[in-house]
Amino acid sequence: MFEKLRIKEHMEVANSEGLHVGTVDEVKDDAIKLTKSDSSDDMHHFLSLDVVDKIDDNRIYLKEGARIPEGLGNKAAVVDA
């Protein structure tokens, strides 16, 4: 799995539309551990390496339809009411 070797700490993780999901803390086994600072519940969340679509520069893009844990990427987002 060549993609696994290209994933480094502090890389941005984006959904298939390019919207911020989180930041890589580390790769553990076959999962990406995300920093808890990007999580609304201040907990680490994991994404399977199977949901990675591509890596471009310093950004990881997830496949369309990838299951993203609730609350990721929302902590710093501004929501219109």
Protein backbone atom coordinates (compact mmCIF):
# COMPACT_ATOMS: atom_id res chain seq x y z
CA MET A 1 0.00 0.00 0.00
CA PHE A 2 2.14 2.85 -1.32
CA GLU A 3 -0.27 5.58 -0.24
CA LYS A 4 0.31 4.74 3.41
CA LEU A 5 3.98 5.69 3.14
CA ARG A 6 3.10 9.09 1.67
CA ILE A 7 0.81 10.07 4.55
CA LYS A 8 2.64 12.24 7.06
CA GLU A 9 1.82 14.05 10.29
CA HIS A 10 0.09 17.44 9.85
CA MET A 11 -1.26 16.68 6.36
CA GLU A 12 -4.73 18.04 5.70
CA VAL A 13 -7.57 15.58 5.09
CA ALA A 14 -10.37 16.75 2.80
CA ASN A 15 -13.59 15.15 1.62
CA SER A 16 -14.21 14.42 -2.06
CA GLU A 17 -15.36 18.04 -2.57
CA GLY A 18 -12.14 19.44 -1.09
CA LEU A 19 -13.67 20.59 2.20
CA HIS A 20 -11.52 20.27 5.33
CA VAL A 21 -12.24 17.18 7.41
CA GLY A 22 -9.24 17.03 9.71
CA THR A 23 -5.49 16.92 10.15
CA VAL A 24 -3.33 13.81 10.34
CA ASP A 25 -1.92 13.04 13.77
CA GLU A 26 -0.37 9.72 12.72
CA VAL A 27 -0.95 6.52 10.75
CA LYS A 28 -1.71 3.51 12.95
CA ASP A 29 -1.95 0.12 11.26
CA ASP A 30 -4.45 0.63 8.41
CA ALA A 31 -6.03 3.82 9.73
CA ILE A 32 -5.35 7.54 9.79
CA LYS A 33 -5.55 8.99 13.30
CA LEU A 34 -6.79 12.58 13.15
CA THR A 35 -5.89 15.33 15.60
CA LYS A 36 -8.48 15.97 18.25
CA SER A 37 -8.18 19.73 17.69
CA ASP A 38 -10.25 19.32 14.49
CA SER A 39 -13.00 17.46 16.32
CA SER A 40 -16.00 19.09 17.96
CA ASP A 41 -15.85 16.50 20.76
CA ASP A 42 -12.08 16.95 21.38
CA MET A 43 -11.44 13.25 20.72
CA HIS A 44 -9.20 11.49 18.22
CA HIS A 45 -11.06 9.93 15.30
CA PHE A 46 -9.84 7.37 12.80
CA LEU A 47 -10.36 6.98 9.06
CA SER A 48 -9.62 3.74 7.25
CA LEU A 49 -6.90 3.94 4.60
CA ASP A 50 -9.46 2.30 2.29
CA VAL A 51 -11.36 5.62 2.03
CA VAL A 52 -8.35 7.55 0.67
CA ASP A 53 -8.90 8.47 -2.97
CA LYS A 54 -5.69 10.36 -3.69
CA ILE A 55 -2.88 12.40 -2.20
CA ASP A 56 -2.07 15.72 -3.83
CA ASP A 57 0.81 17.80 -2.45
CA ASN A 58 0.15 18.02 1.30
CA ARG A 59 -3.55 17.10 1.12
CA ILE A 60 -5.35 13.77 1.35
CA TYR A 61 -8.65 13.48 -0.53
CA LEU A 62 -11.25 10.96 0.57
CA LYS A 63 -13.40 8.92 -1.79
CA GLU A 64 -16.89 10.13 -2.57
CA GLY A 65 -19.30 8.59 -0.06
CA ALA A 66 -16.57 7.95 2.53
CA ARG A 67 -18.00 7.69 6.05
CA ILE A 68 -16.71 10.67 8.03
CA PRO A 69 -17.23 10.63 11.80
CA GLU A 70 -19.72 13.26 13.02
CA GLY A 71 -18.21 16.54 14.18
CA LEU A 72 -15.01 16.45 12.16
CA GLY A 73 -14.02 19.65 10.41
CA ASN A 74 -16.87 21.54 12.08
CA LYS A 75 -15.04 22.99 15.06
CA ALA A 76 -13.68 26.03 13.21
CA ALA A 77 -16.38 26.20 10.55
CA VAL A 78 -18.81 29.09 10.44
CA VAL A 79 -22.38 27.95 10.00
CA ASP A 80 -24.99 30.32 8.56
CA ALA A 81 -28.24 30.32 10.48
